Amino acid sequence: MTAITIHGIPNCDTMKKARTWLEGQGIAHDFHDYKKAGISAEKLGAWADAVGWEVLLNKAGTTFRKLPDSDKAGIDRAKAIALMVEQPSLIKRPVLEYPGGVLVGFKPEDWAAALG
């Protein structure tokens, strides 16, 4: 197992760009498809501790907009994590785990700084 894992779904354009960037940099990594393989509340909790649950929850996506108002109301850390476990499409993509941290979203300059 490599020390770097990129989490997301394979058909997302941002994921494709991120994986292409990693390959272009010669950075070995594992890929975790959380839509197929799922994601644990413990893993999401660790990410939330690292970056904040607000960063992890993709409020701009279609999946969030389609949620019932009752699910959107009063979202806190516990509710956000429960929703993301239930519907992994709510997790902002990609999530990159590397020795020393977690990055959410793909910004080549941030990734280069973290992995350089």
PDB file of N, CA and C in Angstrom:
ATOM      1  N   MET A   1       0.839  -1.192   0.000  1.00  0.00           N
ATOM      2  CA  MET A   1       0.000   0.000   0.000  1.00  0.00           C
ATOM      3  C   MET A   1       0.882   1.252   0.000  1.00  0.00           C
ATOM      4  N   THR A   2       0.498   2.198  -0.826  1.00  0.00           N
ATOM      5  CA  THR A   2       1.251   3.446  -0.861  1.00  0.00           C
ATOM      6  C   THR A   2       0.774   4.365   0.255  1.00  0.00           C
ATOM      7  N   ALA A   3       1.560   5.377   0.524  1.00  0.00           N
ATOM      8  CA  ALA A   3       1.253   6.304   1.612  1.00  0.00           C
ATOM      9  C   ALA A   3       0.248   7.367   1.177  1.00  0.00           C
ATOM     10  N   ILE A   4      -0.015   7.471  -0.124  1.00  0.00           N
ATOM     11  CA  ILE A   4      -0.909   8.497  -0.632  1.00  0.00           C
ATOM     12  C   ILE A   4      -2.153   7.827  -1.217  1.00  0.00           C
ATOM     13  N   THR A   5      -3.319   8.285  -0.782  1.00  0.00           N
ATOM     14  CA  THR A   5      -4.575   7.757  -1.312  1.00  0.00           C
ATOM     15  C   THR A   5      -5.450   8.911  -1.754  1.00  0.00           C
ATOM     16  N   ILE A   6      -5.978   8.783  -2.957  1.00  0.00           N
ATOM     17  CA  ILE A   6      -6.935   9.765  -3.453  1.00  0.00           C
ATOM     18  C   ILE A   6      -8.317   9.110  -3.382  1.00  0.00           C
ATOM     19  N   HIS A   7      -9.256   9.832  -2.774  1.00  0.00           N
ATOM     20  CA  HIS A   7     -10.616   9.323  -2.570  1.00  0.00           C
ATOM     21  C   HIS A   7     -11.577  10.110  -3.433  1.00  0.00           C
ATOM     22  N   GLY A   8     -12.513   9.397  -4.060  1.00  0.00           N
ATOM     23  CA  GLY A   8     -13.515  10.066  -4.882  1.00  0.00           C
ATOM     24  C   GLY A   8     -14.266   9.065  -5.721  1.00  0.00           C
ATOM     25  N   ILE A   9     -14.729   9.521  -6.882  1.00  0.00           N
ATOM     26  CA  ILE A   9     -15.421   8.654  -7.824  1.00  0.00           C
ATOM     27  C   ILE A   9     -14.734   8.778  -9.190  1.00  0.00           C
ATOM     28  N   PRO A  10     -14.661   7.672  -9.924  1.00  0.00           N
ATOM     29  CA  PRO A  10     -13.833   7.667 -11.126  1.00  0.00           C
ATOM     30  C   PRO A  10     -14.305   8.570 -12.261  1.00  0.00           C
ATOM     31  N   ASN A  11     -15.608   8.813 -12.397  1.00  0.00           N
ATOM     32  CA  ASN A  11     -16.079   9.564 -13.568  1.00  0.00           C
ATOM     33  C   ASN A  11     -16.200  11.066 -13.351  1.00  0.00           C
ATOM     34  N   CYS A  12     -15.680  11.568 -12.235  1.00  0.00           N
ATOM     35  CA  CYS A  12     -15.698  13.004 -11.939  1.00  0.00           C
ATOM     36  C   CYS A  12     -14.538  13.684 -12.678  1.00  0.00           C
ATOM     37  N   ASP A  13     -14.817  14.782 -13.372  1.00  0.00           N
ATOM     38  CA  ASP A  13     -13.775  15.485 -14.131  1.00  0.00           C
ATOM     39  C   ASP A  13     -12.638  15.975 -13.253  1.00  0.00           C
ATOM     40  N   THR A  14     -12.965  16.498 -12.078  1.00  0.00           N
ATOM     41  CA  THR A  14     -11.919  16.987 -11.179  1.00  0.00           C
ATOM     42  C   THR A  14     -11.043  15.828 -10.707  1.00  0.00           C
ATOM     43  N   MET A  15     -11.660  14.692 -10.459  1.00  0.00           N
ATOM     44  CA  MET A  15     -10.899  13.494 -10.067  1.00  0.00           C
ATOM     45  C   MET A  15      -9.932  13.105 -11.171  1.00  0.00           C
ATOM     46  N   LYS A  16     -10.419  13.119 -12.414  1.00  0.00           N
ATOM     47  CA  LYS A  16      -9.564  12.748 -13.558  1.00  0.00           C
ATOM     48  C   LYS A  16      -8.369  13.688 -13.644  1.00  0.00           C
ATOM     49  N   LYS A  17      -8.607  14.989 -13.488  1.00  0.00           N
ATOM     50  CA  LYS A  17      -7.520  15.975 -13.526  1.00  0.00           C
ATOM     51  C   LYS A  17      -6.515  15.711 -12.406  1.00  0.00           C
ATOM     52  N   ALA A  18      -7.028  15.435 -11.208  1.00  0.00           N
ATOM     53  CA  ALA A  18      -6.156  15.195 -10.060  1.00  0.00           C
ATOM     54  C   ALA A  18      -5.312  13.939 -10.255  1.00  0.00           C
ATOM     55  N   ARG A  19      -5.925  12.872 -10.735  1.00  0.00           N
ATOM     56  CA  ARG A  19      -5.185  11.620 -10.951  1.00  0.00           C
ATOM     57  C   ARG A  19      -4.147  11.790 -12.059  1.00  0.00           C
ATOM     58  N   THR A  20      -4.516  12.520 -13.114  1.00  0.00           N
ATOM     59  CA  THR A  20      -3.574  12.788 -14.201  1.00  0.00           C
ATOM     60  C   THR A  20      -2.389  13.601 -13.671  1.00  0.00           C
ATOM     61  N   TRP A  21      -2.681  14.579 -12.802  1.00  0.00           N
ATOM     62  CA  TRP A  21      -1.622  15.401 -12.217  1.00  0.00           C
ATOM     63  C   TRP A  21      -0.675  14.533 -11.389  1.00  0.00           C
ATOM     64  N   LEU A  22      -1.230  13.673 -10.526  1.00  0.00           N
ATOM     65  CA  LEU A  22      -0.395  12.786  -9.703  1.00  0.00           C
ATOM     66  C   LEU A  22       0.495  11.915 -10.582  1.00  0.00           C
ATOM     67  N   GLU A  23      -0.092  11.329 -11.619  1.00  0.00           N
ATOM     68  CA  GLU A  23       0.678  10.469 -12.528  1.00  0.00           C
ATOM     69  C   GLU A  23       1.766  11.283 -13.235  1.00  0.00           C
ATOM     70  N   GLY A  24       1.426  12.497 -13.663  1.00  0.00           N
ATOM     71  CA  GLY A  24       2.387  13.371 -14.333  1.00  0.00           C
ATOM     72  C   GLY A  24       3.564  13.752 -13.446  1.00  0.00           C
ATOM     73  N   GLN A  25       3.309  13.804 -12.137  1.00  0.00           N
ATOM     74  CA  GLN A  25       4.363  14.127 -11.168  1.00  0.00           C
ATOM     75  C   GLN A  25       5.131  12.870 -10.739  1.00  0.00           C
ATOM     76  N   GLY A  26       4.701  11.719 -11.222  1.00  0.00           N
ATOM     77  CA  GLY A  26       5.341  10.462 -10.832  1.00  0.00           C
ATOM     78  C   GLY A  26       5.056  10.090  -9.381  1.00  0.00           C
ATOM     79  N   ILE A  27       3.905  10.504  -8.869  1.00  0.00           N
ATOM     80  CA  ILE A  27       3.554  10.242  -7.473  1.00  0.00           C
ATOM     81  C   ILE A  27       2.670   8.995  -7.390  1.00  0.00           C
ATOM     82  N   ALA A  28       3.213   7.956  -6.773  1.00  0.00           N
ATOM     83  CA  ALA A  28       2.463   6.715  -6.596  1.00  0.00           C
ATOM     84  C   ALA A  28       1.314   6.963  -5.625  1.00  0.00           C
ATOM     85  N   HIS A  29       0.166   6.388  -5.939  1.00  0.00           N
ATOM     86  CA  HIS A  29      -1.007   6.590  -5.079  1.00  0.00           C
ATOM     87  C   HIS A  29      -1.999   5.455  -5.262  1.00  0.00           C
ATOM     88  N   ASP A  30      -2.811   5.270  -4.238  1.00  0.00           N
ATOM     89  CA  ASP A  30      -3.932   4.349  -4.318  1.00  0.00           C
ATOM     90  C   ASP A  30      -5.180   5.179  -4.599  1.00  0.00           C
ATOM     91  N   PHE A  31      -6.193   4.524  -5.179  1.00  0.00           N
ATOM     92  CA  PHE A  31      -7.466   5.184  -5.445  1.00  0.00           C
ATOM     93  C   PHE A  31      -8.567   4.455  -4.681  1.00  0.00           C
ATOM     94  N   HIS A  32      -9.357   5.212  -3.930  1.00  0.00           N
ATOM     95  CA  HIS A  32     -10.492   4.647  -3.196  1.00  0.00           C
ATOM     96  C   HIS A  32     -11.772   5.241  -3.769  1.00  0.00           C
ATOM     97  N   ASP A  33     -12.575   4.391  -4.385  1.00  0.00           N
ATOM     98  CA  ASP A  33     -13.856   4.798  -4.955  1.00  0.00           C
ATOM     99  C   ASP A  33     -14.908   4.690  -3.850  1.00  0.00           C
ATOM    100  N   TYR A  34     -15.209   5.816  -3.196  1.00  0.00           N
ATOM    101  CA  TYR A  34     -16.116   5.739  -2.060  1.00  0.00           C
ATOM    102  C   TYR A  34     -17.574   5.600  -2.465  1.00  0.00           C
ATOM    103  N   LYS A  35     -17.855   5.736  -3.739  1.00  0.00           N
ATOM    104  CA  LYS A  35     -19.221   5.488  -4.190  1.00  0.00           C
ATOM    105  C   LYS A  35     -19.476   3.972  -4.223  1.00  0.00           C
ATOM    106  N   LYS A  36     -18.469   3.214  -4.691  1.00  0.00           N
ATOM    107  CA  LYS A  36     -18.609   1.759  -4.750  1.00  0.00           C
ATOM    108  C   LYS A  36     -18.220   1.087  -3.438  1.00  0.00           C
ATOM    109  N   ALA A  37     -17.105   1.513  -2.857  1.00  0.00           N
ATOM    110  CA  ALA A  37     -16.563   0.850  -1.665  1.00  0.00           C
ATOM    111  C   ALA A  37     -17.116   1.417  -0.366  1.00  0.00           C
ATOM    112  N   GLY A  38     -17.765   2.577  -0.446  1.00  0.00           N
ATOM    113  CA  GLY A  38     -18.289   3.205   0.762  1.00  0.00           C
ATOM    114  C   GLY A  38     -17.202   3.942   1.531  1.00  0.00           C
ATOM    115  N   ILE A  39     -17.623   4.587   2.584  1.00  0.00           N
ATOM    116  CA  ILE A  39     -16.709   5.352   3.432  1.00  0.00           C
ATOM    117  C   ILE A  39     -17.245   5.282   4.862  1.00  0.00           C
ATOM    118  N   SER A  40     -16.351   5.147   5.805  1.00  0.00           N
ATOM    119  CA  SER A  40     -16.791   5.003   7.199  1.00  0.00           C
ATOM    120  C   SER A  40     -16.960   6.364   7.876  1.00  0.00           C
ATOM    121  N   ALA A  41     -17.820   6.378   8.875  1.00  0.00           N
ATOM    122  CA  ALA A  41     -18.004   7.588   9.679  1.00  0.00           C
ATOM    123  C   ALA A  41     -16.695   7.938  10.381  1.00  0.00           C
ATOM    124  N   GLU A  42     -15.902   6.916  10.752  1.00  0.00           N
ATOM    125  CA  GLU A  42     -14.621   7.159  11.426  1.00  0.00           C
ATOM    126  C   GLU A  42     -13.657   7.892  10.497  1.00  0.00           C
ATOM    127  N   LYS A  43     -13.593   7.451   9.227  1.00  0.00           N
ATOM    128  CA  LYS A  43     -12.705   8.099   8.248  1.00  0.00           C
ATOM    129  C   LYS A  43     -13.164   9.532   8.015  1.00  0.00           C
ATOM    130  N   LEU A  44     -14.461   9.727   7.836  1.00  0.00           N
ATOM    131  CA  LEU A  44     -14.983  11.082   7.635  1.00  0.00           C
ATOM    132  C   LEU A  44     -14.726  11.956   8.861  1.00  0.00           C
ATOM    133  N   GLY A  45     -14.836  11.359  10.034  1.00  0.00           N
ATOM    134  CA  GLY A  45     -14.557  12.094  11.267  1.00  0.00           C
ATOM    135  C   GLY A  45     -13.114  12.559  11.338  1.00  0.00           C
ATOM    136  N   ALA A  46     -12.197  11.677  10.916  1.00  0.00           N
ATOM    137  CA  ALA A  46     -10.768  12.044  10.905  1.00  0.00           C
ATOM    138  C   ALA A  46     -10.516  13.177   9.915  1.00  0.00           C
ATOM    139  N   TRP A  47     -11.136  13.096   8.743  1.00  0.00           N
ATOM    140  CA  TRP A  47     -10.995  14.176   7.761  1.00  0.00           C
ATOM    141  C   TRP A  47     -11.588  15.464   8.301  1.00  0.00           C
ATOM    142  N   ALA A  48     -12.747  15.367   8.935  1.00  0.00           N
ATOM    143  CA  ALA A  48     -13.403  16.553   9.497  1.00  0.00           C
ATOM    144  C   ALA A  48     -12.522  17.185  10.571  1.00  0.00           C
ATOM    145  N   ASP A  49     -11.841  16.352  11.362  1.00  0.00           N
ATOM    146  CA  ASP A  49     -10.905  16.877  12.364  1.00  0.00           C
ATOM    147  C   ASP A  49      -9.766  17.633  11.688  1.00  0.00           C
ATOM    148  N   ALA A  50      -9.329  17.131  10.532  1.00  0.00           N
ATOM    149  CA  ALA A  50      -8.185  17.724   9.836  1.00  0.00           C
ATOM    150  C   ALA A  50      -8.547  19.009   9.091  1.00  0.00           C
ATOM    151  N   VAL A  51      -9.697  19.019   8.413  1.00  0.00           N
ATOM    152  CA  VAL A  51     -10.021  20.159   7.539  1.00  0.00           C
ATOM    153  C   VAL A  51     -11.321  20.872   7.882  1.00  0.00           C
ATOM    154  N   GLY A  52     -12.133  20.273   8.757  1.00  0.00           N
ATOM    155  CA  GLY A  52     -13.448  20.836   9.076  1.00  0.00           C
ATOM    156  C   GLY A  52     -14.534  20.183   8.238  1.00  0.00           C
ATOM    157  N   TRP A  53     -15.636  19.823   8.858  1.00  0.00           N
ATOM    158  CA  TRP A  53     -16.713  19.153   8.112  1.00  0.00           C
ATOM    159  C   TRP A  53     -17.314  20.066   7.051  1.00  0.00           C
ATOM    160  N   GLU A  54     -17.261  21.375   7.272  1.00  0.00           N
ATOM    161  CA  GLU A  54     -17.820  22.329   6.315  1.00  0.00           C
ATOM    162  C   GLU A  54     -17.071  22.266   4.984  1.00  0.00           C
ATOM    163  N   VAL A  55     -15.763  21.977   5.049  1.00  0.00           N
ATOM    164  CA  VAL A  55     -14.947  21.860   3.841  1.00  0.00           C
ATOM    165  C   VAL A  55     -15.297  20.563   3.096  1.00  0.00           C
ATOM    166  N   LEU A  56     -15.547  19.511   3.849  1.00  0.00           N
ATOM    167  CA  LEU A  56     -15.837  18.198   3.257  1.00  0.00           C
ATOM    168  C   LEU A  56     -17.196  18.124   2.580  1.00  0.00           C
ATOM    169  N   LEU A  57     -18.191  18.787   3.140  1.00  0.00           N
ATOM    170  CA  LEU A  57     -19.561  18.681   2.629  1.00  0.00           C
ATOM    171  C   LEU A  57     -19.721  19.539   1.382  1.00  0.00           C
ATOM    172  N   ASN A  58     -20.050  18.893   0.269  1.00  0.00           N
ATOM    173  CA  ASN A  58     -20.201  19.598  -1.000  1.00  0.00           C
ATOM    174  C   ASN A  58     -21.625  20.149  -1.116  1.00  0.00           C
ATOM    175  N   LYS A  59     -21.785  21.399  -0.707  1.00  0.00           N
ATOM    176  CA  LYS A  59     -23.107  22.029  -0.752  1.00  0.00           C
ATOM    177  C   LYS A  59     -23.441  22.553  -2.145  1.00  0.00           C
ATOM    178  N   ALA A  60     -22.453  22.602  -3.037  1.00  0.00           N
ATOM    179  CA  ALA A  60     -22.680  23.143  -4.381  1.00  0.00           C
ATOM    180  C   ALA A  60     -23.206  22.086  -5.346  1.00  0.00           C
ATOM    181  N   GLY A  61     -23.128  20.827  -4.968  1.00  0.00           N
ATOM    182  CA  GLY A  61     -23.498  19.752  -5.887  1.00  0.00           C
ATOM    183  C   GLY A  61     -24.982  19.474  -5.970  1.00  0.00           C
ATOM    184  N   THR A  62     -25.349  18.760  -7.015  1.00  0.00           N
ATOM    185  CA  THR A  62     -26.728  18.357  -7.259  1.00  0.00           C
ATOM    186  C   THR A  62     -27.276  17.522  -6.114  1.00  0.00           C
ATOM    187  N   THR A  63     -26.452  16.615  -5.587  1.00  0.00           N
ATOM    188  CA  THR A  63     -26.911  15.721  -4.527  1.00  0.00           C
ATOM    189  C   THR A  63     -27.397  16.523  -3.324  1.00  0.00           C
ATOM    190  N   PHE A  64     -26.645  17.551  -2.935  1.00  0.00           N
ATOM    191  CA  PHE A  64     -27.050  18.378  -1.792  1.00  0.00           C
ATOM    192  C   PHE A  64     -28.340  19.132  -2.100  1.00  0.00           C
ATOM    193  N   ARG A  65     -28.413  19.701  -3.297  1.00  0.00           N
ATOM    194  CA  ARG A  65     -29.612  20.478  -3.661  1.00  0.00           C
ATOM    195  C   ARG A  65     -30.868  19.618  -3.673  1.00  0.00           C
ATOM    196  N   LYS A  66     -30.714  18.331  -3.959  1.00  0.00           N
ATOM    197  CA  LYS A  66     -31.867  17.425  -4.022  1.00  0.00           C
ATOM    198  C   LYS A  66     -32.280  16.886  -2.652  1.00  0.00           C
ATOM    199  N   LEU A  67     -31.475  17.148  -1.629  1.00  0.00           N
ATOM    200  CA  LEU A  67     -31.831  16.676  -0.288  1.00  0.00           C
ATOM    201  C   LEU A  67     -33.120  17.332   0.184  1.00  0.00           C
ATOM    202  N   PRO A  68     -33.916  16.611   0.970  1.00  0.00           N
ATOM    203  CA  PRO A  68     -35.093  17.258   1.564  1.00  0.00           C
ATOM    204  C   PRO A  68     -34.644  18.390   2.492  1.00  0.00           C
ATOM    205  N   ASP A  69     -35.477  19.419   2.591  1.00  0.00           N
ATOM    206  CA  ASP A  69     -35.145  20.562   3.447  1.00  0.00           C
ATOM    207  C   ASP A  69     -34.859  20.129   4.879  1.00  0.00           C
ATOM    208  N   SER A  70     -35.519  19.072   5.328  1.00  0.00           N
ATOM    209  CA  SER A  70     -35.305  18.592   6.702  1.00  0.00           C
ATOM    210  C   SER A  70     -33.863  18.100   6.894  1.00  0.00           C
ATOM    211  N   ASP A  71     -33.268  17.546   5.834  1.00  0.00           N
ATOM    212  CA  ASP A  71     -31.871  17.107   5.926  1.00  0.00           C
ATOM    213  C   ASP A  71     -30.910  18.303   5.891  1.00  0.00           C
ATOM    214  N   LYS A  72     -31.273  19.330   5.142  1.00  0.00           N
ATOM    215  CA  LYS A  72     -30.411  20.509   5.018  1.00  0.00           C
ATOM    216  C   LYS A  72     -30.471  21.396   6.259  1.00  0.00           C
ATOM    217  N   ALA A  73     -31.577  21.350   6.984  1.00  0.00           N
ATOM    218  CA  ALA A  73     -31.775  22.228   8.137  1.00  0.00           C
ATOM    219  C   ALA A  73     -30.916  21.788   9.322  1.00  0.00           C
ATOM    220  N   GLY A  74     -30.306  22.761   9.961  1.00  0.00           N
ATOM    221  CA  GLY A  74     -29.561  22.498  11.197  1.00  0.00           C
ATOM    222  C   GLY A  74     -28.404  21.524  11.045  1.00  0.00           C
ATOM    223  N   ILE A  75     -27.717  21.604   9.936  1.00  0.00           N
ATOM    224  CA  ILE A  75     -26.594  20.678   9.741  1.00  0.00           C
ATOM    225  C   ILE A  75     -25.462  21.030  10.698  1.00  0.00           C
ATOM    226  N   ASP A  76     -25.001  20.020  11.403  1.00  0.00           N
ATOM    227  CA  ASP A  76     -23.822  20.136  12.253  1.00  0.00           C
ATOM    228  C   ASP A  76     -22.874  19.007  11.858  1.00  0.00           C
ATOM    229  N   ARG A  77     -21.781  18.877  12.584  1.00  0.00           N
ATOM    230  CA  ARG A  77     -20.766  17.880  12.240  1.00  0.00           C
ATOM    231  C   ARG A  77     -21.349  16.469  12.174  1.00  0.00           C
ATOM    232  N   ALA A  78     -22.081  16.071  13.189  1.00  0.00           N
ATOM    233  CA  ALA A  78     -22.636  14.708  13.251  1.00  0.00           C
ATOM    234  C   ALA A  78     -23.609  14.446  12.105  1.00  0.00           C
ATOM    235  N   LYS A  79     -24.495  15.414  11.841  1.00  0.00           N
ATOM    236  CA  LYS A  79     -25.482  15.246  10.781  1.00  0.00           C
ATOM    237  C   LYS A  79     -24.795  15.218   9.410  1.00  0.00           C
ATOM    238  N   ALA A  80     -23.795  16.074   9.214  1.00  0.00           N
ATOM    239  CA  ALA A  80     -23.066  16.112   7.943  1.00  0.00           C
ATOM    240  C   ALA A  80     -22.367  14.779   7.686  1.00  0.00           C
ATOM    241  N   ILE A  81     -21.718  14.239   8.707  1.00  0.00           N
ATOM    242  CA  ILE A  81     -21.014  12.955   8.553  1.00  0.00           C
ATOM    243  C   ILE A  81     -22.013  11.842   8.249  1.00  0.00           C
ATOM    244  N   ALA A  82     -23.137  11.816   8.951  1.00  0.00           N
ATOM    245  CA  ALA A  82     -24.163  10.796   8.685  1.00  0.00           C
ATOM    246  C   ALA A  82     -24.672  10.888   7.244  1.00  0.00           C
ATOM    247  N   LEU A  83     -24.908  12.102   6.763  1.00  0.00           N
ATOM    248  CA  LEU A  83     -25.372  12.296   5.383  1.00  0.00           C
ATOM    249  C   LEU A  83     -24.312  11.844   4.375  1.00  0.00           C
ATOM    250  N   MET A  84     -23.035  12.141   4.648  1.00  0.00           N
ATOM    251  CA  MET A  84     -21.960  11.756   3.724  1.00  0.00           C
ATOM    252  C   MET A  84     -21.739  10.244   3.694  1.00  0.00           C
ATOM    253  N   VAL A  85     -21.934   9.572   4.829  1.00  0.00           N
ATOM    254  CA  VAL A  85     -21.833   8.105   4.857  1.00  0.00           C
ATOM    255  C   VAL A  85     -22.957   7.521   4.006  1.00  0.00           C
ATOM    256  N   GLU A  86     -24.148   8.069   4.170  1.00  0.00           N
ATOM    257  CA  GLU A  86     -25.335   7.597   3.451  1.00  0.00           C
ATOM    258  C   GLU A  86     -25.238   7.889   1.954  1.00  0.00           C
ATOM    259  N   GLN A  87     -24.727   9.070   1.618  1.00  0.00           N
ATOM    260  CA  GLN A  87     -24.635   9.500   0.221  1.00  0.00           C
ATOM    261  C   GLN A  87     -23.247  10.077  -0.048  1.00  0.00           C
ATOM    262  N   PRO A  88     -22.289   9.202  -0.404  1.00  0.00           N
ATOM    263  CA  PRO A  88     -20.906   9.664  -0.611  1.00  0.00           C
ATOM    264  C   PRO A  88     -20.758  10.758  -1.668  1.00  0.00           C
ATOM    265  N   SER A  89     -21.742  10.922  -2.545  1.00  0.00           N
ATOM    266  CA  SER A  89     -21.670  12.006  -3.535  1.00  0.00           C
ATOM    267  C   SER A  89     -21.677  13.379  -2.879  1.00  0.00           C
ATOM    268  N   LEU A  90     -22.041  13.436  -1.591  1.00  0.00           N
ATOM    269  CA  LEU A  90     -22.034  14.703  -0.854  1.00  0.00           C
ATOM    270  C   LEU A  90     -20.633  15.119  -0.417  1.00  0.00           C
ATOM    271  N   ILE A  91     -19.655  14.219  -0.576  1.00  0.00           N
ATOM    272  CA  ILE A  91     -18.277  14.534  -0.164  1.00  0.00           C
ATOM    273  C   ILE A  91     -17.607  15.307  -1.298  1.00  0.00           C
ATOM    274  N   LYS A  92     -17.020  16.434  -0.954  1.00  0.00           N
ATOM    275  CA  LYS A  92     -16.299  17.233  -1.946  1.00  0.00           C
ATOM    276  C   LYS A  92     -15.143  16.394  -2.485  1.00  0.00           C
ATOM    277  N   ARG A  93     -14.894  16.510  -3.776  1.00  0.00           N
ATOM    278  CA  ARG A  93     -13.856  15.689  -4.409  1.00  0.00           C
ATOM    279  C   ARG A  93     -12.758  16.542  -5.005  1.00  0.00           C
ATOM    280  N   PRO A  94     -11.592  15.919  -5.087  1.00  0.00           N
ATOM    281  CA  PRO A  94     -11.164  14.695  -4.411  1.00  0.00           C
ATOM    282  C   PRO A  94     -10.721  14.975  -2.982  1.00  0.00           C
ATOM    283  N   VAL A  95     -10.560  13.896  -2.225  1.00  0.00           N
ATOM    284  CA  VAL A  95      -9.923  13.988  -0.910  1.00  0.00           C
ATOM    285  C   VAL A  95      -8.604  13.247  -1.045  1.00  0.00           C
ATOM    286  N   LEU A  96      -7.521  13.928  -0.749  1.00  0.00           N
ATOM    287  CA  LEU A  96      -6.190  13.345  -0.853  1.00  0.00           C
ATOM    288  C   LEU A  96      -5.611  13.170   0.548  1.00  0.00           C
ATOM    289  N   GLU A  97      -5.316  11.920   0.891  1.00  0.00           N
ATOM    290  CA  GLU A  97      -4.646  11.627   2.161  1.00  0.00           C
ATOM    291  C   GLU A  97      -3.173  11.394   1.847  1.00  0.00           C
ATOM    292  N   TYR A  98      -2.309  12.069   2.566  1.00  0.00           N
ATOM    293  CA  TYR A  98      -0.869  11.911   2.374  1.00  0.00           C
ATOM    294  C   TYR A  98      -0.205  11.968   3.740  1.00  0.00           C
ATOM    295  N   PRO A  99       1.027  11.473   3.831  1.00  0.00           N
ATOM    296  CA  PRO A  99       1.705  11.530   5.141  1.00  0.00           C
ATOM    297  C   PRO A  99       1.756  12.981   5.622  1.00  0.00           C
ATOM    298  N   GLY A 100       1.096  13.238   6.723  1.00  0.00           N
ATOM    299  CA  GLY A 100       1.122  14.588   7.268  1.00  0.00           C
ATOM    300  C   GLY A 100      -0.138  15.392   7.034  1.00  0.00           C
ATOM    301  N   GLY A 101      -1.114  14.857   6.294  1.00  0.00           N
ATOM    302  CA  GLY A 101      -2.303  15.678   6.124  1.00  0.00           C
ATOM    303  C   GLY A 101      -3.354  15.166   5.168  1.00  0.00           C
ATOM    304  N   VAL A 102      -4.330  16.038   4.955  1.00  0.00           N
ATOM    305  CA  VAL A 102      -5.470  15.772   4.090  1.00  0.00           C
ATOM    306  C   VAL A 102      -5.729  17.042   3.280  1.00  0.00           C
ATOM    307  N   LEU A 103      -5.938  16.882   1.987  1.00  0.00           N
ATOM    308  CA  LEU A 103      -6.330  17.999   1.131  1.00  0.00           C
ATOM    309  C   LEU A 103      -7.688  17.685   0.525  1.00  0.00           C
ATOM    310  N   VAL A 104      -8.554  18.693   0.436  1.00  0.00           N
ATOM    311  CA  VAL A 104      -9.879  18.515  -0.155  1.00  0.00           C
ATOM    312  C   VAL A 104      -9.992  19.462  -1.340  1.00  0.00           C
ATOM    313  N   GLY A 105     -10.423  18.916  -2.473  1.00  0.00           N
ATOM    314  CA  GLY A 105     -10.485  19.696  -3.706  1.00  0.00           C
ATOM    315  C   GLY A 105      -9.136  19.634  -4.394  1.00  0.00           C
ATOM    316  N   PHE A 106      -9.114  19.948  -5.682  1.00  0.00           N
ATOM    317  CA  PHE A 106      -7.861  19.870  -6.433  1.00  0.00           C
ATOM    318  C   PHE A 106      -7.362  21.253  -6.827  1.00  0.00           C
ATOM    319  N   LYS A 107      -6.273  21.656  -6.173  1.00  0.00           N
ATOM    320  CA  LYS A 107      -5.562  22.881  -6.535  1.00  0.00           C
ATOM    321  C   LYS A 107      -4.103  22.460  -6.724  1.00  0.00           C
ATOM    322  N   PRO A 108      -3.636  22.393  -7.973  1.00  0.00           N
ATOM    323  CA  PRO A 108      -2.282  21.885  -8.236  1.00  0.00           C
ATOM    324  C   PRO A 108      -1.204  22.540  -7.375  1.00  0.00           C
ATOM    325  N   GLU A 109      -1.314  23.851  -7.134  1.00  0.00           N
ATOM    326  CA  GLU A 109      -0.276  24.528  -6.346  1.00  0.00           C
ATOM    327  C   GLU A 109      -0.269  24.039  -4.898  1.00  0.00           C
ATOM    328  N   ASP A 110      -1.456  23.782  -4.335  1.00  0.00           N
ATOM    329  CA  ASP A 110      -1.528  23.268  -2.959  1.00  0.00           C
ATOM    330  C   ASP A 110      -0.994  21.843  -2.886  1.00  0.00           C
ATOM    331  N   TRP A 111      -1.343  21.057  -3.895  1.00  0.00           N
ATOM    332  CA  TRP A 111      -0.877  19.665  -3.927  1.00  0.00           C
ATOM    333  C   TRP A 111       0.637  19.613  -4.077  1.00  0.00           C
ATOM    334  N   ALA A 112       1.183  20.463  -4.961  1.00  0.00           N
ATOM    335  CA  ALA A 112       2.635  20.490  -5.157  1.00  0.00           C
ATOM    336  C   ALA A 112       3.335  20.887  -3.868  1.00  0.00           C
ATOM    337  N   ALA A 113       2.793  21.869  -3.151  1.00  0.00           N
ATOM    338  CA  ALA A 113       3.397  22.310  -1.883  1.00  0.00           C
ATOM    339  C   ALA A 113       3.356  21.187  -0.849  1.00  0.00           C
ATOM    340  N   ALA A 114       2.241  20.468  -0.776  1.00  0.00           N
ATOM    341  CA  ALA A 114       2.086  19.410   0.220  1.00  0.00           C
ATOM    342  C   ALA A 114       2.912  18.178  -0.110  1.00  0.00           C
ATOM    343  N   LEU A 115       2.997  17.864  -1.391  1.00  0.00           N
ATOM    344  CA  LEU A 115       3.646  16.612  -1.799  1.00  0.00           C
ATOM    345  C   LEU A 115       5.073  16.806  -2.274  1.00  0.00           C
ATOM    346  N   GLY A 116       5.480  18.076  -2.460  1.00  0.00           N
ATOM    347  CA  GLY A 116       6.813  18.364  -2.991  1.00  0.00           C
ATOM    348  C   GLY A 116       7.851  18.069  -1.993  1.00  0.00           C
TER     349      GLY A 116
END
